[in-house]
Amino acid sequence: MPEEKLGILIPGIGGAVSTTFVAGVERVRRGLSVPVGSLTQLGSFTKNNEELPVSEALGLATLDSLAFGGWDIFPENLHEASLKAGVLKQSDIDKVKDFLEEITPMKAVFSKEWVKKLDGTHVKAQKGHRALIDALKEDIATFKEKNKVDRCIVIWCASTERFLAPSKVHSSLEEFEKGLDENSPDIPPSMLYAYAAITSGVPFVNGAPNLTTDTPAFNQLTEKYRVPIAGKDFKTGQTLMKTIIAPGLRARLLGLQGWYSTNILGNRDGLVLDDPGSFKTKEESKLSVLDSILDPDRHPELYGDFYHKVVINYYPPRGDNKEGWDCIDIFGWLGYPMQIKVNFLCRDSILAAPVVLDLALFIDLAHRKGMVGIQKWLSFYFKSPIHNKGELPEHNLFIQLNMLEEKMREMA
């Protein structure tokens, strides 16, 4: 019996993260590269004192079973888009040129009201929330039929939308659907994609910090359609380092006076975040990490009054090669001060690509296992993990890994 095919649909498929992901998967499939950073491809876990490879033990979809598609506000095929993104070397891209040229984006749902720094040319002509959702649902159905896929997932890799606080329209499914009918200005494009996916029976993952599925309305929607969701904001560069270093300070009970973080990057993400509204969304996500890990209420003498500042600067010459500086002022025995300085010259899309792969395979597994709603066990991959009402998000990378491994043992 031939293996079932899994479709991966990506809003923002022409961006740096998506093109790096898709080109990378195809290079791995052809034996040209190793999937470095992917827990599903290289990882293992223990059960009953036996070391088990993640992919085989869990019956994850294989790389050969994957088909790719998605939407973008620019029309270039993925070979052209990969070259424009400038993440991978042309020599690496060209070895999978034939494959990438075959993938062209569908027209996107886009509003400059939500991403002010971009001008989309490849956008849907339909007007109104309901018409746009219908168009997206038709895209999903057409992709499944054309590519003969058995299942699909949607993973948001598009730009960060401007900050949006939850309001009445997000408070229940009834209010949200009323908002759709009335074309509420508080429903951004990402929510239209999520609604289209979930009502098509397709899991949705949010890789950006936007307010999207982390609302009561979407909790009720996922229950109704029995679909899993996960998010939000892929944990890659500077925040990945924070969730590694901060648990060490907490474990040793070293105090914190302040943590200053600044970044320079020049890709499309950097341009989008140059807008104060989009930066506010990202800032909220990045600032949420330390309090959860350090627990200042339990140790106010160590963490009750630290200063936390995050800055992102758009600097075009740097491209996708982000540089993150951290100046961490700590104190130890008898209150004597010390400093930690981190200069992380990272490649955002190189770090994000294996995260996209793992999340796509895990959320598909969750769906096949009948899991519904927020998948907290996937917090390992996010800066700002979404969580159910009454729960607290977990940010400590090592606790997150334990949660993930426990769930894998349960499913194996």
Protein backbone atom coordinates (compact mmCIF):
# COMPACT_ATOMS: atom_id res chain seq x y z
CA MET A 1 0.00 0.00 0.00
CA PRO A 2 1.55 3.37 -1.01
CA GLU A 3 2.28 5.84 1.76
CA GLU A 4 -0.30 8.55 2.31
CA LYS A 5 0.77 12.05 1.20
CA LEU A 6 0.83 15.04 3.54
CA GLY A 7 0.34 18.53 2.13
CA ILE A 8 2.07 21.45 3.84
CA LEU A 9 0.39 24.75 3.00
CA ILE A 10 2.22 27.93 3.97
CA PRO A 11 0.97 31.53 4.08
CA GLY A 12 4.16 33.41 3.21
CA ILE A 13 5.60 30.59 1.09
CA GLY A 14 7.83 32.99 -0.83
CA GLY A 15 9.57 34.35 2.26
CA ALA A 16 13.00 33.55 3.65
CA VAL A 17 11.88 30.95 6.22
CA SER A 18 9.58 29.09 3.83
CA THR A 19 11.96 28.93 0.89
CA THR A 20 14.80 27.81 3.15
CA PHE A 21 12.54 25.11 4.57
CA VAL A 22 11.22 23.78 1.26
CA ALA A 23 14.58 23.89 -0.54
CA GLY A 24 16.19 22.23 2.47
CA VAL A 25 13.69 19.38 2.60
CA GLU A 26 14.22 18.67 -1.09
CA ARG A 27 18.00 18.70 -0.65
CA VAL A 28 17.65 16.20 2.20
CA ARG A 29 15.34 14.02 0.09
CA ARG A 30 17.99 13.94 -2.66
CA GLY A 31 20.75 13.03 -0.22
CA LEU A 32 22.50 16.39 -0.69
CA SER A 33 22.20 17.66 2.91
CA VAL A 34 21.64 16.56 6.50
CA PRO A 35 18.52 17.88 8.36
CA VAL A 36 20.54 19.55 11.13
CA GLY A 37 18.34 20.96 13.90
CA SER A 38 15.36 18.70 13.25
CA LEU A 39 14.32 16.59 16.23
CA THR A 40 11.92 14.57 14.08
CA GLN A 41 14.69 13.56 11.67
CA LEU A 42 17.74 13.21 13.92
CA GLY A 43 16.31 12.92 17.42
CA SER A 44 15.50 10.04 19.73
CA PHE A 45 13.87 9.48 23.10
CA THR A 46 13.85 6.73 25.70
CA LYS A 47 10.97 4.48 26.66
CA ASN A 48 11.34 1.47 28.96
CA ASN A 49 15.12 1.97 28.86
CA GLU A 50 15.12 1.69 25.07
CA GLU A 51 16.40 4.45 22.77
CA LEU A 52 13.84 5.08 20.04
CA PRO A 53 14.25 7.18 16.87
CA VAL A 54 11.53 9.82 16.85
CA SER A 55 10.25 9.48 13.30
CA GLU A 56 9.95 5.70 13.18
CA ALA A 57 8.74 5.22 16.74
CA LEU A 58 5.90 7.69 16.26
CA GLY A 59 5.04 6.82 12.67
CA LEU A 60 5.56 10.38 11.47
CA ALA A 61 4.97 11.29 7.84
CA THR A 62 8.20 10.75 5.89
CA LEU A 63 9.94 13.47 3.93
CA ASP A 64 9.17 11.64 0.69
CA SER A 65 5.44 11.88 1.44
CA LEU A 66 5.41 15.69 1.64
CA ALA A 67 3.91 18.06 -0.93
CA PHE A 68 4.27 21.84 -0.66
CA GLY A 69 2.08 24.79 -1.56
CA GLY A 70 0.94 28.09 -0.17
CA TRP A 71 0.18 31.73 -0.62
CA ASP A 72 2.33 34.82 -1.03
CA ILE A 73 1.87 38.49 -1.83
CA PHE A 74 4.58 38.21 -4.50
CA PRO A 75 4.17 35.92 -7.55
CA GLU A 76 7.70 34.49 -7.99
CA ASN A 77 8.15 30.73 -8.01
CA LEU A 78 10.17 29.25 -5.16
CA HIS A 79 13.43 29.15 -7.11
CA GLU A 80 13.21 32.88 -7.82
CA ALA A 81 12.00 33.59 -4.29
CA SER A 82 14.87 31.56 -2.78
CA LEU A 83 17.42 33.55 -4.74
CA LYS A 84 15.77 36.82 -3.69
CA ALA A 85 15.71 35.77 -0.02
CA GLY A 86 19.48 35.37 -0.11
CA VAL A 87 19.66 32.82 2.69
CA LEU A 88 21.06 29.83 0.80
CA LYS A 89 23.93 29.90 -1.67
CA GLN A 90 22.89 29.85 -5.31
CA SER A 91 24.87 26.66 -5.83
CA ASP A 92 22.76 24.96 -3.13
CA ILE A 93 19.50 26.33 -4.53
CA ASP A 94 20.27 25.43 -8.13
CA LYS A 95 20.71 21.74 -7.30
CA VAL A 96 16.95 21.65 -6.57
CA LYS A 97 15.98 24.31 -9.13
CA ASP A 98 13.72 21.98 -11.11
CA PHE A 99 11.69 21.18 -8.00
CA LEU A 100 11.45 24.78 -6.74
CA GLU A 101 10.41 26.17 -10.11
CA GLU A 102 7.33 23.94 -10.06
CA ILE A 103 5.97 25.62 -6.90
CA THR A 104 4.25 28.94 -7.47
CA PRO A 105 2.28 30.73 -4.77
CA MET A 106 -1.46 31.20 -4.79
CA LYS A 107 -2.71 34.75 -4.41
CA ALA A 108 -2.66 35.82 -0.77
CA VAL A 109 -5.11 37.50 1.55
CA PHE A 110 -3.35 40.73 2.45
CA SER A 111 -4.13 44.11 3.98
CA LYS A 112 -1.62 46.91 4.32
CA GLU A 113 -3.57 47.94 7.40
CA TRP A 114 -2.00 44.94 9.16
CA VAL A 115 1.51 44.95 7.64
CA LYS A 116 2.32 48.54 6.78
CA LYS A 117 5.84 48.08 5.42
CA LEU A 118 4.94 45.72 2.57
CA ASP A 119 3.13 46.31 -0.71
CA GLY A 120 1.55 43.12 -1.96
CA THR A 121 0.96 42.73 -5.69
CA HIS A 122 -0.19 39.09 -5.76
CA VAL A 123 -3.35 39.37 -3.67
CA LYS A 124 -6.90 38.12 -3.84
CA ALA A 125 -9.48 40.39 -5.44
CA GLN A 126 -12.40 39.18 -3.31
CA LYS A 127 -13.82 41.68 -0.85
CA GLY A 128 -15.09 40.92 2.63
CA HIS A 129 -14.10 38.34 5.22
CA ARG A 130 -16.53 35.62 4.15
CA ALA A 131 -15.59 35.86 0.46
CA LEU A 132 -11.89 35.68 1.30
CA ILE A 133 -12.40 32.66 3.56
CA ASP A 134 -14.35 30.91 0.79
CA ALA A 135 -11.48 31.62 -1.61
CA LEU A 136 -8.93 30.18 0.83
CA LYS A 137 -11.05 27.07 1.43
CA GLU A 138 -11.28 26.58 -2.33
CA ASP A 139 -7.47 26.92 -2.55
CA ILE A 140 -7.03 24.21 0.09
CA ALA A 141 -9.43 21.85 -1.67
CA THR A 142 -7.82 22.49 -5.06
CA PHE A 143 -4.32 21.89 -3.67
CA LYS A 144 -5.40 18.58 -2.13
CA GLU A 145 -6.99 17.40 -5.36
CA LYS A 146 -4.18 18.58 -7.64
CA ASN A 147 -1.42 17.07 -5.49
CA LYS A 148 -3.41 13.97 -4.54
CA VAL A 149 -2.66 14.48 -0.85
CA ASP A 150 -4.53 12.59 1.84
CA ARG A 151 -4.08 15.16 4.62
CA CYS A 152 -3.01 18.79 4.99
CA ILE A 153 -1.68 21.17 7.59
CA VAL A 154 -1.36 24.97 7.38
CA ILE A 155 1.61 26.71 9.01
CA TRP A 156 1.81 30.51 9.10
CA CYS A 157 5.26 31.73 8.00
CA ALA A 158 4.07 35.14 6.81
CA SER A 159 4.97 38.52 8.27
CA THR A 160 4.15 39.77 11.75
CA GLU A 161 0.87 41.68 11.82
CA ARG A 162 0.49 44.84 13.86
CA PHE A 163 -0.41 44.52 17.53
CA LEU A 164 -3.98 43.56 18.30
CA ALA A 165 -5.47 43.29 21.78
CA PRO A 166 -8.27 40.74 22.28
CA SER A 167 -11.71 42.30 22.12
CA LYS A 168 -15.39 41.32 22.14
CA VAL A 169 -15.24 39.89 18.61
CA HIS A 170 -12.69 37.31 19.80
CA SER A 171 -14.55 36.38 22.99
CA SER A 172 -16.66 33.56 21.55
CA LEU A 173 -17.25 31.72 18.30
CA GLU A 174 -20.68 33.35 18.03
CA GLU A 175 -19.16 36.84 18.33
CA PHE A 176 -16.36 35.98 15.91
CA GLU A 177 -18.71 34.68 13.23
CA LYS A 178 -20.85 37.74 13.68
CA GLY A 179 -17.66 39.76 13.15
CA LEU A 180 -16.96 37.84 9.95
CA ASP A 181 -20.44 38.68 8.66
CA GLU A 182 -19.94 42.34 9.54
CA ASN A 183 -16.33 42.52 8.23
CA SER A 184 -15.02 43.50 11.65
CA PRO A 185 -11.81 45.57 11.47
CA ASP A 186 -10.48 43.53 14.41
CA ILE A 187 -10.16 40.35 12.33
CA PRO A 188 -6.76 40.29 10.58
CA PRO A 189 -5.75 38.12 7.59
CA SER A 190 -4.07 35.51 9.81
CA MET A 191 -7.44 34.78 11.46
CA LEU A 192 -9.05 34.33 8.04
CA TYR A 193 -6.42 31.74 7.12
CA ALA A 194 -6.85 29.98 10.46
CA TYR A 195 -10.64 29.93 10.16
CA ALA A 196 -10.45 28.63 6.58
CA ALA A 197 -8.05 25.87 7.60
CA ILE A 198 -9.88 24.72 10.73
CA THR A 199 -13.30 24.71 9.07
CA SER A 200 -11.72 22.60 6.31
CA GLY A 201 -10.63 20.09 8.97
CA VAL A 202 -6.98 21.16 8.63
CA PRO A 203 -4.64 21.80 11.62
CA PHE A 204 -3.19 25.31 11.90
CA VAL A 205 0.17 26.40 13.34
CA ASN A 206 1.02 30.06 13.97
CA GLY A 207 4.72 30.78 13.52
CA ALA A 208 4.41 34.54 14.14
CA PRO A 209 3.52 36.49 17.31
CA ASN A 210 0.17 37.72 15.93
CA LEU A 211 -3.03 37.31 17.90
CA THR A 212 -4.59 34.57 15.79
CA THR A 213 -5.81 31.30 17.31
CA ASP A 214 -5.08 32.23 20.94
CA THR A 215 -8.62 33.40 21.64
CA PRO A 216 -11.77 31.83 23.12
CA ALA A 217 -13.39 31.99 19.67
CA PHE A 218 -10.77 29.72 18.15
CA ASN A 219 -10.76 27.39 21.15
CA GLN A 220 -14.45 26.81 20.48
CA LEU A 221 -13.86 26.48 16.72
CA THR A 222 -11.23 23.77 17.18
CA GLU A 223 -13.57 21.86 19.49
CA LYS A 224 -16.35 22.07 16.93
CA TYR A 225 -14.19 20.79 14.05
CA ARG A 226 -11.98 18.47 16.18
CA VAL A 227 -8.73 20.00 14.94
CA PRO A 228 -5.40 20.62 16.76
CA ILE A 229 -3.61 23.99 16.76
CA ALA A 230 -0.23 25.24 17.98
CA GLY A 231 1.65 28.54 18.33
CA LYS A 232 3.03 31.06 18.54
CA ASP A 233 6.18 32.73 17.23
CA PHE A 234 8.94 30.31 16.23
CA LYS A 235 11.69 30.19 18.87
CA THR A 236 14.92 30.74 16.94
CA GLY A 237 17.69 33.25 17.72
CA GLN A 238 17.89 35.52 20.71
CA THR A 239 14.89 34.10 22.54
CA LEU A 240 16.26 30.58 22.10
CA MET A 241 19.41 31.72 23.91
CA LYS A 242 17.34 33.37 26.66
CA THR A 243 15.46 30.15 27.33
CA ILE A 244 18.79 28.33 27.61
CA ILE A 245 20.61 30.87 29.82
CA ALA A 246 17.76 31.99 32.13
CA PRO A 247 17.05 28.46 33.47
CA GLY A 248 20.74 28.23 34.40
CA LEU A 249 20.55 31.44 36.41
CA ARG A 250 17.39 30.19 38.09
CA ALA A 251 18.91 26.78 38.86
CA ARG A 252 21.94 28.39 40.54
CA LEU A 253 19.78 31.08 42.22
CA LEU A 254 21.86 33.88 40.76
CA GLY A 255 20.12 37.24 40.82
CA LEU A 256 19.24 39.39 37.83
CA GLN A 257 19.39 43.19 37.71
CA GLY A 258 18.76 43.66 34.01
CA TRP A 259 18.75 42.05 30.58
CA TYR A 260 19.24 44.28 27.57
CA SER A 261 18.69 42.68 24.16
CA THR A 262 19.18 44.30 20.79
CA ASN A 263 19.08 42.87 17.27
CA ILE A 264 20.01 43.99 13.80
CA LEU A 265 18.60 42.22 10.76
CA GLY A 266 17.89 43.17 7.18
CA ASN A 267 15.47 40.64 5.70
CA ARG A 268 11.76 41.15 5.01
CA ASP A 269 11.09 40.36 8.67
CA GLY A 270 13.36 43.22 9.69
CA LEU A 271 11.58 45.60 7.32
CA VAL A 272 8.16 44.61 8.67
CA LEU A 273 9.31 45.00 12.28
CA ASP A 274 10.53 48.52 11.47
CA ASP A 275 6.87 49.48 11.77
CA PRO A 276 6.01 50.27 15.43
CA GLY A 277 2.71 48.36 15.26
CA SER A 278 4.35 45.12 14.08
CA PHE A 279 7.27 45.59 16.48
CA LYS A 280 4.80 45.92 19.39
CA THR A 281 3.46 42.45 18.54
CA LYS A 282 6.98 40.98 18.48
CA GLU A 283 8.06 42.87 21.62
CA GLU A 284 5.16 41.44 23.63
CA SER A 285 6.24 37.94 22.61
CA LYS A 286 9.93 38.45 23.40
CA LEU A 287 9.31 40.16 26.75
CA SER A 288 7.09 37.37 28.04
CA VAL A 289 9.90 34.86 28.47
CA LEU A 290 11.87 35.80 31.59
CA ASP A 291 9.13 36.20 34.20
CA SER A 292 7.85 32.69 33.59
CA ILE A 293 11.29 31.12 33.88
CA LEU A 294 12.66 33.14 36.82
CA ASP A 295 9.47 33.19 38.93
CA PRO A 296 9.98 36.59 40.65
CA ASP A 297 7.03 36.02 42.99
CA ARG A 298 8.85 33.11 44.58
CA HIS A 299 12.23 34.86 44.73
CA PRO A 300 11.61 38.62 44.82
CA GLU A 301 15.06 39.20 46.35
CA LEU A 302 16.64 37.76 43.18
CA TYR A 303 14.23 38.58 40.36
CA GLY A 304 11.65 41.01 41.74
CA ASP A 305 12.99 44.17 40.15
CA PHE A 306 14.99 43.36 37.01
CA TYR A 307 14.87 45.59 33.94
CA HIS A 308 14.18 43.88 30.61
CA LYS A 309 14.55 45.74 27.32
CA VAL A 310 14.26 44.41 23.75
CA VAL A 311 15.19 46.41 20.65
CA ILE A 312 15.11 45.39 16.96
CA ASN A 313 16.77 47.53 14.30
CA TYR A 314 16.31 47.16 10.55
CA TYR A 315 19.71 47.16 8.85
CA PRO A 316 19.47 46.05 5.19
CA PRO A 317 23.15 45.07 4.63
CA ARG A 318 22.82 42.24 7.17
CA GLY A 319 20.06 40.40 5.26
CA ASP A 320 18.90 37.22 6.98
CA ASN A 321 22.09 37.01 9.06
CA LYS A 322 20.74 38.51 12.25
CA GLU A 323 23.09 39.68 14.98
CA GLY A 324 21.78 39.63 18.54
CA TRP A 325 23.56 41.27 21.46
CA ASP A 326 22.64 40.57 25.07
CA CYS A 327 24.03 42.41 28.06
CA ILE A 328 22.98 40.55 31.22
CA ASP A 329 23.65 42.11 34.62
CA ILE A 330 23.57 39.48 37.33
CA PHE A 331 24.62 39.30 40.98
CA GLY A 332 25.89 36.52 43.19
CA TRP A 333 27.08 35.84 46.73
CA LEU A 334 26.55 38.85 49.02
CA GLY A 335 25.06 40.78 46.10
CA TYR A 336 28.32 41.24 44.20
CA PRO A 337 27.67 42.16 40.53
CA MET A 338 28.77 40.22 37.44
CA GLN A 339 28.01 40.42 33.74
CA ILE A 340 27.31 38.02 30.91
CA LYS A 341 27.62 39.24 27.32
CA VAL A 342 26.33 37.25 24.36
CA ASN A 343 26.91 38.10 20.71
CA PHE A 344 24.93 35.63 18.61
CA LEU A 345 25.55 35.92 14.87
CA CYS A 346 22.73 33.69 13.78
CA ARG A 347 20.82 32.94 10.61
CA ASP A 348 17.15 33.25 11.43
CA SER A 349 15.83 31.14 8.57
CA ILE A 350 18.44 28.41 9.07
CA LEU A 351 17.25 28.08 12.67
CA ALA A 352 13.56 28.32 11.75
CA ALA A 353 13.48 25.80 8.87
CA PRO A 354 13.83 22.64 11.03
CA VAL A 355 11.28 24.09 13.46
CA VAL A 356 8.77 24.37 10.59
CA LEU A 357 9.47 20.77 9.59
CA ASP A 358 9.07 19.37 13.09
CA LEU A 359 5.87 21.32 13.76
CA ALA A 360 4.31 20.23 10.47
CA LEU A 361 4.98 16.56 11.21
CA PHE A 362 3.97 16.75 14.88
CA ILE A 363 0.71 18.66 14.29
CA ASP A 364 -0.21 16.12 11.60
CA LEU A 365 0.49 13.33 14.09
CA ALA A 366 -1.68 15.09 16.69
CA HIS A 367 -4.53 15.22 14.19
CA ARG A 368 -4.19 11.54 13.30
CA LYS A 369 -4.21 10.71 17.03
CA GLY A 370 -7.47 12.59 17.52
CA MET A 371 -6.00 15.43 19.56
CA VAL A 372 -8.00 18.65 19.62
CA GLY A 373 -7.27 22.28 20.43
CA ILE A 374 -4.04 23.75 21.80
CA GLN A 375 -1.09 21.35 21.76
CA LYS A 376 0.86 22.56 24.78
CA TRP A 377 3.45 19.79 24.34
CA LEU A 378 4.75 21.69 21.29
CA SER A 379 5.71 24.72 23.43
CA PHE A 380 9.36 23.72 22.87
CA TYR A 381 9.21 25.39 19.46
CA PHE A 382 7.66 28.75 20.38
CA LYS A 383 8.65 32.05 21.98
CA SER A 384 5.17 32.66 23.30
CA PRO A 385 3.37 29.31 23.67
CA ILE A 386 -0.41 29.56 23.48
CA HIS A 387 -2.22 27.94 26.40
CA ASN A 388 -5.67 27.23 27.73
CA LYS A 389 -7.47 29.56 30.10
CA GLY A 390 -6.31 29.07 33.66
CA GLU A 391 -2.93 27.65 32.59
CA LEU A 392 0.42 29.41 32.56
CA PRO A 393 2.71 29.17 29.53
CA GLU A 394 5.97 27.27 30.01
CA HIS A 395 9.09 29.02 28.66
CA ASN A 396 11.94 27.02 30.19
CA LEU A 397 13.47 25.16 27.23
CA PHE A 398 14.41 22.13 29.32
CA ILE A 399 10.97 21.76 30.90
CA GLN A 400 9.48 22.19 27.43
CA LEU A 401 11.71 19.39 26.12
CA ASN A 402 10.58 17.15 28.99
CA MET A 403 6.94 17.87 28.08
CA LEU A 404 7.64 16.98 24.47
CA GLU A 405 9.45 13.76 25.37
CA GLU A 406 6.70 12.71 27.76
CA LYS A 407 4.12 13.13 25.03
CA MET A 408 6.29 11.14 22.60
CA ARG A 409 6.60 8.30 25.13
CA GLU A 410 2.83 8.35 25.57
CA MET A 411 2.25 8.11 21.80
CA ALA A 412 4.98 5.58 20.96
